[in-house]
C-alpha atoms as a PDB file:
ATOM      1  CA  MET A   1       0.000   0.000   0.000  1.00  0.00           C
ATOM      2  CA  PRO A   2       2.430   2.711  -1.181  1.00  0.00           C
ATOM      3  CA  CYS A   3      -0.089   5.508  -0.727  1.00  0.00           C
ATOM      4  CA  SER A   4      -1.062   4.635   2.840  1.00  0.00           C
ATOM      5  CA  LEU A   5      -0.202   6.781   5.816  1.00  0.00           C
ATOM      6  CA  ILE A   6       0.499   4.812   8.990  1.00  0.00           C
ATOM      7  CA  SER A   7       0.145   6.620  12.315  1.00  0.00           C
ATOM      8  CA  LEU A   8       2.110   5.408  15.316  1.00  0.00           C
ATOM      9  CA  VAL A   9       0.756   6.564  18.695  1.00  0.00           C
ATOM     10  CA  THR A  10       2.796   6.391  21.893  1.00  0.00           C
ATOM     11  CA  PRO A  11       1.805   7.604  25.380  1.00  0.00           C
ATOM     12  CA  ALA A  12       4.877   8.662  27.344  1.00  0.00           C
ATOM     13  CA  PHE A  13       5.454   9.422  31.021  1.00  0.00           C
ATOM     14  CA  ASN A  14       9.044  10.032  32.139  1.00  0.00           C
ATOM     15  CA  GLU A  15      10.429   8.247  29.061  1.00  0.00           C
ATOM     16  CA  ALA A  16      13.204  10.663  28.084  1.00  0.00           C
ATOM     17  CA  GLU A  17      15.846   7.921  27.974  1.00  0.00           C
ATOM     18  CA  ASN A  18      13.761   5.569  25.841  1.00  0.00           C
ATOM     19  CA  LEU A  19      12.279   7.797  23.136  1.00  0.00           C
ATOM     20  CA  SER A  20      15.448   8.328  21.058  1.00  0.00           C
ATOM     21  CA  VAL A  21      16.141   4.597  20.983  1.00  0.00           C
ATOM     22  CA  LEU A  22      12.535   3.874  20.080  1.00  0.00           C
ATOM     23  CA  TYR A  23      12.672   6.472  17.298  1.00  0.00           C
ATOM     24  CA  GLU A  24      15.726   4.817  15.733  1.00  0.00           C
ATOM     25  CA  ARG A  25      14.047   1.403  15.798  1.00  0.00           C
ATOM     26  CA  LEU A  26      10.841   2.856  14.338  1.00  0.00           C
ATOM     27  CA  CYS A  27      12.835   4.429  11.518  1.00  0.00           C
ATOM     28  CA  ALA A  28      14.586   1.153  10.772  1.00  0.00           C
ATOM     29  CA  THR A  29      11.282  -0.716  10.710  1.00  0.00           C
ATOM     30  CA  MET A  30       8.961   1.768   8.992  1.00  0.00           C
ATOM     31  CA  ASP A  31      11.418   3.028   6.365  1.00  0.00           C
ATOM     32  CA  SER A  32      11.790  -0.527   5.078  1.00  0.00           C
ATOM     33  CA  LEU A  33       8.071  -0.540   4.220  1.00  0.00           C
ATOM     34  CA  GLU A  34       6.477   1.194   1.242  1.00  0.00           C
ATOM     35  CA  VAL A  35       4.366   3.513   3.386  1.00  0.00           C
ATOM     36  CA  ASP A  36       4.431   7.045   4.693  1.00  0.00           C
ATOM     37  CA  TRP A  37       4.224   7.279   8.445  1.00  0.00           C
ATOM     38  CA  GLU A  38       3.943   9.681  11.342  1.00  0.00           C
ATOM     39  CA  TRP A  39       4.673   9.282  15.036  1.00  0.00           C
ATOM     40  CA  VAL A  40       2.369  10.978  17.551  1.00  0.00           C
ATOM     41  CA  VAL A  41       3.828  11.041  21.076  1.00  0.00           C
ATOM     42  CA  VAL A  42       1.619  12.216  23.946  1.00  0.00           C
ATOM     43  CA  ASP A  43       3.563  13.385  26.993  1.00  0.00           C
ATOM     44  CA  ASP A  44       1.409  12.703  30.052  1.00  0.00           C
ATOM     45  CA  HIS A  45       2.915  15.668  31.942  1.00  0.00           C
ATOM     46  CA  SER A  46       6.267  14.005  32.574  1.00  0.00           C
ATOM     47  CA  GLN A  47       8.578  15.262  35.294  1.00  0.00           C
ATOM     48  CA  ASP A  48      11.731  14.685  33.258  1.00  0.00           C
ATOM     49  CA  THR A  49      12.838  15.994  29.831  1.00  0.00           C
ATOM     50  CA  THR A  50      10.435  13.811  27.819  1.00  0.00           C
ATOM     51  CA  PHE A  51       8.829  16.729  25.983  1.00  0.00           C
ATOM     52  CA  ALA A  52      12.226  18.271  25.223  1.00  0.00           C
ATOM     53  CA  VAL A  53      13.293  14.997  23.621  1.00  0.00           C
ATOM     54  CA  ILE A  54      10.081  14.905  21.565  1.00  0.00           C
ATOM     55  CA  THR A  55      10.710  18.520  20.477  1.00  0.00           C
ATOM     56  CA  ARG A  56      14.256  17.706  19.415  1.00  0.00           C
ATOM     57  CA  LEU A  57      13.099  14.684  17.407  1.00  0.00           C
ATOM     58  CA  GLY A  58      10.345  16.781  15.813  1.00  0.00           C
ATOM     59  CA  GLU A  59      12.874  19.393  14.709  1.00  0.00           C
ATOM     60  CA  ARG A  60      14.947  16.711  13.008  1.00  0.00           C
ATOM     61  CA  ASP A  61      12.033  14.770  11.522  1.00  0.00           C
ATOM     62  CA  PRO A  62       8.704  16.430  10.608  1.00  0.00           C
ATOM     63  CA  ARG A  63       7.016  13.025  10.861  1.00  0.00           C
ATOM     64  CA  VAL A  64       7.300  13.290  14.647  1.00  0.00           C
ATOM     65  CA  ARG A  65       4.543  15.193  16.459  1.00  0.00           C
ATOM     66  CA  GLY A  66       4.308  15.772  20.195  1.00  0.00           C
ATOM     67  CA  LEU A  67       1.565  16.863  22.566  1.00  0.00           C
ATOM     68  CA  ARG A  68       1.997  17.600  26.261  1.00  0.00           C
ATOM     69  CA  PHE A  69      -0.794  17.424  28.825  1.00  0.00           C
ATOM     70  CA  ALA A  70      -1.340  20.244  31.318  1.00  0.00           C
ATOM     71  CA  ARG A  71      -1.360  17.623  34.084  1.00  0.00           C
ATOM     72  CA  ASN A  72      -1.099  13.867  34.427  1.00  0.00           C
ATOM     73  CA  PHE A  73      -4.291  12.277  33.074  1.00  0.00           C
ATOM     74  CA  GLY A  74      -3.149   8.653  32.812  1.00  0.00           C
ATOM     75  CA  ALA A  75      -1.935   6.331  30.073  1.00  0.00           C
ATOM     76  CA  HIS A  76      -5.384   5.471  28.692  1.00  0.00           C
ATOM     77  CA  ILE A  77      -6.344   9.133  28.309  1.00  0.00           C
ATOM     78  CA  ALA A  78      -2.981   9.840  26.670  1.00  0.00           C
ATOM     79  CA  LEU A  79      -3.621   7.017  24.227  1.00  0.00           C
ATOM     80  CA  THR A  80      -7.109   8.387  23.571  1.00  0.00           C
ATOM     81  CA  CYS A  81      -5.603  11.794  22.784  1.00  0.00           C
ATOM     82  CA  GLY A  82      -3.136  10.203  20.388  1.00  0.00           C
ATOM     83  CA  LEU A  83      -5.922   8.352  18.571  1.00  0.00           C
ATOM     84  CA  HIS A  84      -7.869  11.611  18.255  1.00  0.00           C
ATOM     85  CA  HIS A  85      -4.898  13.363  16.635  1.00  0.00           C
ATOM     86  CA  ALA A  86      -3.665  10.542  14.407  1.00  0.00           C
ATOM     87  CA  LYS A  87      -4.159  11.165  10.688  1.00  0.00           C
ATOM     88  CA  GLY A  88      -3.259   7.765   9.250  1.00  0.00           C
ATOM     89  CA  ASP A  89      -5.265   5.214   7.301  1.00  0.00           C
ATOM     90  CA  CYS A  90      -4.544   2.943  10.250  1.00  0.00           C
ATOM     91  CA  VAL A  91      -3.102   3.589  13.709  1.00  0.00           C
ATOM     92  CA  VAL A  92      -0.623   1.461  15.641  1.00  0.00           C
ATOM     93  CA  ALA A  93      -0.481   1.985  19.419  1.00  0.00           C
ATOM     94  CA  LEU A  94       2.708   0.968  21.212  1.00  0.00           C
ATOM     95  CA  ALA A  95       4.421   1.816  24.493  1.00  0.00           C
ATOM     96  CA  ALA A  96       7.417   4.109  24.868  1.00  0.00           C
ATOM     97  CA  ASP A  97       9.405   1.763  27.107  1.00  0.00           C
ATOM     98  CA  LEU A  98      10.467  -0.566  24.231  1.00  0.00           C
ATOM     99  CA  GLN A  99       8.618  -3.516  25.737  1.00  0.00           C
ATOM    100  CA  ASP A 100       6.538  -3.556  22.539  1.00  0.00           C
ATOM    101  CA  PRO A 101       9.134  -4.162  19.773  1.00  0.00           C
ATOM    102  CA  PRO A 102       8.534  -2.042  16.655  1.00  0.00           C
ATOM    103  CA  GLU A 103       9.706  -4.997  14.565  1.00  0.00           C
ATOM    104  CA  VAL A 104       6.247  -6.555  15.136  1.00  0.00           C
ATOM    105  CA  ILE A 105       4.535  -3.729  13.199  1.00  0.00           C
ATOM    106  CA  PRO A 106       4.948  -5.361   9.734  1.00  0.00           C
ATOM    107  CA  GLY A 107       3.007  -8.375  11.024  1.00  0.00           C
ATOM    108  CA  LEU A 108       0.203  -6.081  12.177  1.00  0.00           C
ATOM    109  CA  LEU A 109       0.159  -4.353   8.791  1.00  0.00           C
ATOM    110  CA  ASP A 110      -0.017  -7.687   6.948  1.00  0.00           C
ATOM    111  CA  GLN A 111      -3.244  -8.541   8.780  1.00  0.00           C
ATOM    112  CA  TRP A 112      -4.619  -5.051   8.117  1.00  0.00           C
ATOM    113  CA  LYS A 113      -3.882  -5.354   4.400  1.00  0.00           C
ATOM    114  CA  ALA A 114      -5.837  -8.630   4.474  1.00  0.00           C
ATOM    115  CA  GLY A 115      -8.920  -6.700   5.598  1.00  0.00           C
ATOM    116  CA  VAL A 116      -8.797  -7.030   9.389  1.00  0.00           C
ATOM    117  CA  LYS A 117      -9.953  -3.874  11.183  1.00  0.00           C
ATOM    118  CA  VAL A 118      -8.467  -4.547  14.637  1.00  0.00           C
ATOM    119  CA  VAL A 119      -5.215  -6.464  15.090  1.00  0.00           C
ATOM    120  CA  TRP A 120      -4.115  -7.305  18.625  1.00  0.00           C
ATOM    121  CA  ALA A 121      -0.492  -8.147  19.402  1.00  0.00           C
ATOM    122  CA  ALA A 122      -0.930 -10.585  22.293  1.00  0.00           C
ATOM    123  CA  ARG A 123       1.908 -11.284  24.694  1.00  0.00           C
ATOM    124  CA  ARG A 124       3.364 -14.750  24.294  1.00  0.00           C
ATOM    125  CA  ARG A 125       6.084 -14.183  26.851  1.00  0.00           C
ATOM    126  CA  ARG A 126       6.886 -11.293  29.211  1.00  0.00           C
ATOM    127  CA  GLU A 127      10.573 -10.679  29.928  1.00  0.00           C
ATOM    128  CA  GLY A 128      11.853  -8.896  33.012  1.00  0.00           C
ATOM    129  CA  GLU A 129       8.516  -8.731  34.876  1.00  0.00           C
ATOM    130  CA  LYS A 130       7.778 -10.022  38.361  1.00  0.00           C
ATOM    131  CA  ALA A 131       5.477 -12.981  38.902  1.00  0.00           C
ATOM    132  CA  THR A 132       3.105 -10.799  40.934  1.00  0.00           C
ATOM    133  CA  LYS A 133       2.688  -8.344  38.049  1.00  0.00           C
ATOM    134  CA  VAL A 134       2.074 -11.136  35.566  1.00  0.00           C
ATOM    135  CA  GLY A 135      -0.378 -12.757  37.975  1.00  0.00           C
ATOM    136  CA  LEU A 136      -2.369  -9.539  38.428  1.00  0.00           C
ATOM    137  CA  ALA A 137      -2.500  -9.059  34.653  1.00  0.00           C
ATOM    138  CA  ARG A 138      -3.822 -12.588  34.174  1.00  0.00           C
ATOM    139  CA  LEU A 139      -6.404 -12.011  36.892  1.00  0.00           C
ATOM    140  CA  TYR A 140      -7.618  -8.844  35.148  1.00  0.00           C
ATOM    141  CA  TYR A 141      -8.048 -10.554  31.795  1.00  0.00           C
ATOM    142  CA  TRP A 142      -9.708 -13.564  33.425  1.00  0.00           C
ATOM    143  CA  VAL A 143     -12.256 -11.239  35.074  1.00  0.00           C
ATOM    144  CA  MET A 144     -12.912  -9.466  31.771  1.00  0.00           C
ATOM    145  CA  ARG A 145     -13.316 -12.684  29.803  1.00  0.00           C
ATOM    146  CA  SER A 146     -15.098 -14.862  32.364  1.00  0.00           C
ATOM    147  CA  ILE A 147     -17.159 -12.450  34.470  1.00  0.00           C
ATOM    148  CA  VAL A 148     -17.719  -9.432  32.243  1.00  0.00           C
ATOM    149  CA  GLY A 149     -18.175 -11.708  29.238  1.00  0.00           C
ATOM    150  CA  MET A 150     -15.650 -10.258  26.755  1.00  0.00           C
ATOM    151  CA  THR A 151     -14.478 -13.601  25.425  1.00  0.00           C
ATOM    152  CA  GLU A 152     -12.931 -11.979  22.319  1.00  0.00           C
ATOM    153  CA  MET A 153     -10.376 -10.149  24.472  1.00  0.00           C
ATOM    154  CA  PRO A 154      -6.858 -11.663  24.256  1.00  0.00           C
ATOM    155  CA  ALA A 155      -6.389 -13.903  27.293  1.00  0.00           C
ATOM    156  CA  SER A 156      -2.793 -12.788  27.850  1.00  0.00           C
ATOM    157  CA  GLY A 157      -3.465  -9.082  27.272  1.00  0.00           C
ATOM    158  CA  ALA A 158      -2.620  -6.718  24.419  1.00  0.00           C
ATOM    159  CA  ASP A 159      -1.441  -3.134  24.931  1.00  0.00           C
ATOM    160  CA  PHE A 160       0.094  -3.219  21.440  1.00  0.00           C
ATOM    161  CA  PHE A 161      -2.476  -3.086  18.622  1.00  0.00           C
ATOM    162  CA  LEU A 162      -3.504  -1.721  15.211  1.00  0.00           C
ATOM    163  CA  LEU A 163      -6.788  -0.011  14.356  1.00  0.00           C
ATOM    164  CA  ASP A 164      -8.181   0.743  10.920  1.00  0.00           C
ATOM    165  CA  ARG A 165      -9.269   4.336  10.251  1.00  0.00           C
ATOM    166  CA  VAL A 166     -12.950   3.333  10.381  1.00  0.00           C
ATOM    167  CA  VAL A 167     -12.398   1.964  13.908  1.00  0.00           C
ATOM    168  CA  VAL A 168     -10.530   5.102  15.010  1.00  0.00           C
ATOM    169  CA  ASP A 169     -13.346   7.308  13.709  1.00  0.00           C
ATOM    170  CA  ALA A 170     -15.918   5.188  15.530  1.00  0.00           C
ATOM    171  CA  PHE A 171     -13.807   5.279  18.710  1.00  0.00           C
ATOM    172  CA  SER A 172     -13.677   9.090  18.545  1.00  0.00           C
ATOM    173  CA  ARG A 173     -17.446   9.227  18.926  1.00  0.00           C
ATOM    174  CA  PHE A 174     -17.223   7.890  22.495  1.00  0.00           C
ATOM    175  CA  THR A 175     -16.820  10.453  25.268  1.00  0.00           C
ATOM    176  CA  GLU A 176     -16.462   8.186  28.310  1.00  0.00           C
ATOM    177  CA  THR A 177     -13.701   9.057  30.749  1.00  0.00           C
ATOM    178  CA  ASN A 178     -13.538   6.119  33.152  1.00  0.00           C
ATOM    179  CA  VAL A 179     -13.150   3.261  30.705  1.00  0.00           C
ATOM    180  CA  SER A 180     -10.573   0.766  29.469  1.00  0.00           C
ATOM    181  CA  ILE A 181      -9.622   1.412  25.831  1.00  0.00           C
ATOM    182  CA  LEU A 182      -8.881  -2.287  25.345  1.00  0.00           C
ATOM    183  CA  ALA A 183     -12.330  -3.248  26.623  1.00  0.00           C
ATOM    184  CA  LEU A 184     -14.074  -0.519  24.618  1.00  0.00           C
ATOM    185  CA  ILE A 185     -12.434  -1.534  21.348  1.00  0.00           C
ATOM    186  CA  THR A 186     -13.288  -5.175  22.024  1.00  0.00           C
ATOM    187  CA  TRP A 187     -16.904  -4.209  22.736  1.00  0.00           C
ATOM    188  CA  MET A 188     -17.118  -2.174  19.515  1.00  0.00           C
ATOM    189  CA  GLY A 189     -16.774  -5.296  17.406  1.00  0.00           C
ATOM    190  CA  PHE A 190     -15.399  -5.071  13.824  1.00  0.00           C
ATOM    191  CA  ARG A 191     -13.306  -7.837  12.316  1.00  0.00           C
ATOM    192  CA  GLN A 192     -10.567  -8.652  14.821  1.00  0.00           C
ATOM    193  CA  THR A 193      -7.613 -11.014  14.960  1.00  0.00           C
ATOM    194  CA  ILE A 194      -4.605 -11.734  17.184  1.00  0.00           C
ATOM    195  CA  ILE A 195      -0.902 -12.213  16.488  1.00  0.00           C
ATOM    196  CA  SER A 196       1.618 -13.211  19.171  1.00  0.00           C
ATOM    197  CA  TYR A 197       4.905 -11.614  20.182  1.00  0.00           C
ATOM    198  CA  ASP A 198       7.411 -11.710  23.038  1.00  0.00           C
ATOM    199  CA  LYS A 199       7.154  -8.673  25.290  1.00  0.00           C
ATOM    200  CA  GLU A 200      10.655  -7.361  25.927  1.00  0.00           C
ATOM    201  CA  ALA A 201      12.127  -6.088  29.186  1.00  0.00           C
ATOM    202  CA  ARG A 202      11.942  -2.378  29.867  1.00  0.00           C
ATOM    203  CA  LEU A 203      15.096  -0.618  28.620  1.00  0.00           C
ATOM    204  CA  HIS A 204      15.319   2.415  30.966  1.00  0.00           C
ATOM    205  CA  GLY A 205      13.397   3.851  33.898  1.00  0.00           C
ATOM    206  CA  ARG A 206      10.513   2.501  35.939  1.00  0.00           C
ATOM    207  CA  SER A 207       6.903   1.926  35.040  1.00  0.00           C
ATOM    208  CA  GLY A 208       4.377   4.472  36.339  1.00  0.00           C
ATOM    209  CA  TRP A 209       1.645   1.831  36.242  1.00  0.00           C
ATOM    210  CA  SER A 210       1.090   1.532  40.009  1.00  0.00           C
ATOM    211  CA  LEU A 211      -1.135  -0.922  41.886  1.00  0.00           C
ATOM    212  CA  LYS A 212      -3.597   1.897  42.574  1.00  0.00           C
ATOM    213  CA  LYS A 213      -3.937   2.607  38.837  1.00  0.00           C
ATOM    214  CA  LYS A 214      -4.331  -1.093  38.090  1.00  0.00           C
ATOM    215  CA  LEU A 215      -7.161  -1.420  40.613  1.00  0.00           C
ATOM    216  CA  LYS A 216      -8.908   1.641  39.171  1.00  0.00           C
ATOM    217  CA  LEU A 217      -8.617   0.181  35.677  1.00  0.00           C
ATOM    218  CA  LEU A 218     -10.193  -3.067  36.900  1.00  0.00           C
ATOM    219  CA  VAL A 219     -13.113  -1.244  38.532  1.00  0.00           C
ATOM    220  CA  ASP A 220     -13.544   1.032  35.482  1.00  0.00           C
ATOM    221  CA  SER A 221     -13.547  -1.946  33.138  1.00  0.00           C
ATOM    222  CA  VAL A 222     -16.118  -3.916  35.133  1.00  0.00           C
ATOM    223  CA  THR A 223     -18.492  -1.046  35.873  1.00  0.00           C
ATOM    224  CA  SER A 224     -18.363   0.251  32.281  1.00  0.00           C
ATOM    225  CA  PHE A 225     -19.364  -3.019  30.646  1.00  0.00           C
ATOM    226  CA  SER A 226     -21.181  -5.154  33.193  1.00  0.00           C
ATOM    227  CA  TYR A 227     -24.054  -5.019  35.674  1.00  0.00           C
ATOM    228  CA  VAL A 228     -22.800  -8.205  37.375  1.00  0.00           C
ATOM    229  CA  PRO A 229     -21.782  -6.395  40.625  1.00  0.00           C
ATOM    230  CA  ILE A 230     -25.247  -4.804  40.874  1.00  0.00           C
ATOM    231  CA  ARG A 231     -26.943  -8.133  40.178  1.00  0.00           C
ATOM    232  CA  PHE A 232     -24.687  -9.814  42.744  1.00  0.00           C
ATOM    233  CA  MET A 233     -25.773  -7.205  45.302  1.00  0.00           C
ATOM    234  CA  SER A 234     -29.400  -8.167  44.680  1.00  0.00           C
ATOM    235  CA  TYR A 235     -28.623 -11.863  45.110  1.00  0.00           C
ATOM    236  CA  LEU A 236     -26.559 -11.215  48.229  1.00  0.00           C
ATOM    237  CA  GLY A 237     -29.311  -9.025  49.696  1.00  0.00           C
ATOM    238  CA  PHE A 238     -31.834 -11.795  49.095  1.00  0.00           C
ATOM    239  CA  VAL A 239     -29.588 -14.386  50.762  1.00  0.00           C
ATOM    240  CA  VAL A 240     -28.868 -12.166  53.785  1.00  0.00           C
ATOM    241  CA  GLY A 241     -32.556 -11.267  54.082  1.00  0.00           C
ATOM    242  CA  PHE A 242     -33.560 -14.917  53.932  1.00  0.00           C
ATOM    243  CA  ALA A 243     -30.959 -15.783  56.573  1.00  0.00           C
ATOM    244  CA  GLY A 244     -32.291 -12.957  58.764  1.00  0.00           C
ATOM    245  CA  PHE A 245     -35.874 -14.236  58.533  1.00  0.00           C
ATOM    246  CA  ALA A 246     -34.674 -17.775  59.238  1.00  0.00           C
ATOM    247  CA  TYR A 247     -32.766 -16.611  62.299  1.00  0.00           C
ATOM    248  CA  ALA A 248     -35.763 -14.614  63.488  1.00  0.00           C
ATOM    249  CA  GLY A 249     -37.895 -17.752  63.129  1.00  0.00           C
ATOM    250  CA  LEU A 250     -35.351 -19.687  65.157  1.00  0.00           C
ATOM    251  CA  VAL A 251     -35.493 -17.059  67.904  1.00  0.00           C
ATOM    252  CA  VAL A 252     -39.312 -17.241  68.023  1.00  0.00           C
ATOM    253  CA  VAL A 253     -39.333 -21.035  68.116  1.00  0.00           C
ATOM    254  CA  ASN A 254     -36.768 -21.142  70.909  1.00  0.00           C
ATOM    255  CA  PHE A 255     -38.750 -18.531  72.863  1.00  0.00           C
ATOM    256  CA  ILE A 256     -41.963 -20.561  72.525  1.00  0.00           C
ATOM    257  CA  ASN A 257     -40.122 -23.654  73.714  1.00  0.00           C
ATOM    258  CA  GLY A 258     -38.781 -21.810  76.701  1.00  0.00           C
ATOM    259  CA  ASN A 259     -35.217 -21.623  75.452  1.00  0.00           C
ATOM    260  CA  PRO A 260     -34.679 -17.996  74.421  1.00  0.00           C
ATOM    261  CA  ILE A 261     -31.350 -17.210  72.760  1.00  0.00           C
ATOM    262  CA  GLU A 262     -29.243 -15.183  75.118  1.00  0.00           C
ATOM    263  CA  GLY A 263     -25.952 -13.397  74.892  1.00  0.00           C
ATOM    264  CA  TRP A 264     -24.511 -10.167  73.596  1.00  0.00           C
ATOM    265  CA  SER A 265     -21.936 -11.986  71.419  1.00  0.00           C
ATOM    266  CA  SER A 266     -24.442 -13.665  69.111  1.00  0.00           C
ATOM    267  CA  LEU A 267     -26.310 -10.382  68.621  1.00  0.00           C
ATOM    268  CA  ILE A 268     -23.208  -8.334  67.808  1.00  0.00           C
ATOM    269  CA  VAL A 269     -21.967 -10.983  65.362  1.00  0.00           C
ATOM    270  CA  VAL A 270     -25.215 -10.710  63.416  1.00  0.00           C
ATOM    271  CA  VAL A 271     -25.103  -6.892  63.489  1.00  0.00           C
ATOM    272  CA  LEU A 272     -21.492  -6.780  62.293  1.00  0.00           C
ATOM    273  CA  LEU A 273     -22.112  -9.337  59.571  1.00  0.00           C
ATOM    274  CA  VAL A 274     -25.183  -7.598  58.188  1.00  0.00           C
ATOM    275  CA  GLY A 275     -23.588  -4.165  58.578  1.00  0.00           C
ATOM    276  CA  GLY A 276     -20.454  -5.265  56.762  1.00  0.00           C
ATOM    277  CA  VAL A 277     -22.450  -6.703  53.877  1.00  0.00           C
ATOM    278  CA  GLN A 278     -24.442  -3.487  53.623  1.00  0.00           C
ATOM    279  CA  MET A 279     -21.283  -1.361  53.565  1.00  0.00           C
ATOM    280  CA  VAL A 280     -19.778  -3.467  50.776  1.00  0.00           C
ATOM    281  CA  MET A 281     -22.999  -3.194  48.777  1.00  0.00           C
ATOM    282  CA  MET A 282     -23.083   0.570  49.280  1.00  0.00           C
ATOM    283  CA  GLY A 283     -19.467   0.783  48.126  1.00  0.00           C
ATOM    284  CA  VAL A 284     -20.211  -1.118  44.919  1.00  0.00           C
ATOM    285  CA  LEU A 285     -23.262   1.033  44.281  1.00  0.00           C
ATOM    286  CA  GLY A 286     -21.181   4.143  45.005  1.00  0.00           C
ATOM    287  CA  GLU A 287     -18.668   3.194  42.294  1.00  0.00           C
ATOM    288  CA  TYR A 288     -21.464   3.190  39.713  1.00  0.00           C
ATOM    289  CA  VAL A 289     -23.025   6.396  41.040  1.00  0.00           C
ATOM    290  CA  TRP A 290     -19.693   8.253  41.128  1.00  0.00           C
ATOM    291  CA  ARG A 291     -18.905   7.294  37.542  1.00  0.00           C
ATOM    292  CA  ALA A 292     -22.350   8.430  36.426  1.00  0.00           C
ATOM    293  CA  LEU A 293     -21.772  11.756  38.220  1.00  0.00           C
ATOM    294  CA  ASP A 294     -18.298  12.131  36.709  1.00  0.00           C
ATOM    295  CA  GLU A 295     -19.610  11.569  33.184  1.00  0.00           C
ATOM    296  CA  SER A 296     -22.494  14.007  33.747  1.00  0.00           C
ATOM    297  CA  ARG A 297     -20.035  16.863  34.445  1.00  0.00           C
ATOM    298  CA  ARG A 298     -18.856  16.615  30.820  1.00  0.00           C
ATOM    299  CA  ARG A 299     -15.390  17.874  31.653  1.00  0.00           C
ATOM    300  CA  PRO A 300     -12.774  17.546  28.892  1.00  0.00           C
ATOM    301  CA  ARG A 301     -10.928  14.258  29.124  1.00  0.00           C
ATOM    302  CA  TYR A 302      -7.574  15.968  28.663  1.00  0.00           C
ATOM    303  CA  ILE A 303      -6.069  19.447  28.374  1.00  0.00           C
ATOM    304  CA  ILE A 304      -3.143  20.011  26.013  1.00  0.00           C
ATOM    305  CA  GLU A 305      -0.495  22.389  27.350  1.00  0.00           C
ATOM    306  CA  ALA A 306       1.826  22.439  24.337  1.00  0.00           C
ATOM    307  CA  THR A 307       2.408  20.867  20.935  1.00  0.00           C
ATOM    308  CA  THR A 308       5.522  20.423  18.859  1.00  0.00           C
ATOM    309  CA  GLY A 309       6.669  19.183  15.444  1.00  0.00           C
ATOM    310  CA  GLY A 310       4.672  17.698  12.626  1.00  0.00           C
ATOM    311  CA  SER A 311       4.285  20.813  10.480  1.00  0.00           C
ATOM    312  CA  GLN A 312       5.434  18.881   7.430  1.00  0.00           C
ATOM    313  CA  ALA A 313       4.347  15.402   8.504  1.00  0.00           C
ATOM    314  CA  LEU A 314       2.164  14.832   5.440  1.00  0.00           C
ATOM    315  CA  GLN A 315       4.283  16.643   2.883  1.00  0.00           C
ATOM    316  CA  PRO A 316       6.618  14.553   0.711  1.00  0.00           C
ATOM    317  CA  GLY A 317      10.181  15.750   0.572  1.00  0.00           C
ATOM    318  CA  PRO A 318      13.731  14.662  -0.144  1.00  0.00           C
ATOM    319  CA  LEU A 319      14.037  13.070   3.290  1.00  0.00           C
ATOM    320  CA  GLN A 320      10.742  11.217   3.124  1.00  0.00           C
ATOM    321  CA  GLY A 321      11.294   7.526   3.785  1.00  0.00           C
ATOM    322  CA  ARG A 322      14.661   7.988   5.487  1.00  0.00           C
ATOM    323  CA  CYS A 323      15.572   8.284   9.142  1.00  0.00           C
ATOM    324  CA  ARG A 324      16.434  11.840  10.243  1.00  0.00           C
ATOM    325  CA  CYS A 325      18.940  10.802  12.884  1.00  0.00           C
END
């Protein structure tokens, strides 16, 4: 597809040491293909020189565009911003930490050329990651596939993927803030397929993907696409109510038989048990209510503080197709 424009989108947070290396590998990979390409990097309000590195790359190569958030909005919002600003006939999303090797991109493009609208690069193996991190990731995808019901979602996870322009345009119509992009794209449908790759170890720095952010993503993903927690609350309320009526019947029967149940301990156990169940149910309900309130405010999902590069990203020139290193 010599006339195609391929957009590469990368969220970045404190990735100053990795971006130059990633750029060189992208050049080596993309310039070997008969396509024009652009690289959109979204700086999620990094505390290091990430945006300065993006600016320097953009000055050397007009195919590189950068956007910087006014504050930290999170990786999924940064990826959303990149998808909104991508101009390509298809868009490839990959991380800035070099765990997603750019050399996999030709395989994604082969599937796209065959007519597939969404191509997931699923992790076959994950180098340099702790067993606890891998275990939590597997738990998340098990919940999404088995409880939420998204059986089409890659079982091993896929942060590295390709979207056709028609999918990107459809995605841009959604305005939800608290949602998993992976789950939303899976829910959207379209013709999807999966290829496998080995996830590499992080080259420099530390991941900003904390346990707190992982838990929020899990709650966002479940509450956005499933009413199972609400339905479970109804079932649990019925069970606890039935148990309460049964216990009350037992108390009445024992009283009639002259054996009333005595003791402060038994009473407080029942109160604590029922109270604890009620608090958990209120917490689950509160997660849904808070998200509904947050969406009703209609605040912008992100605020761009600065942009850089890309003024000639779509214009052919003598350097087009060659790395500007």
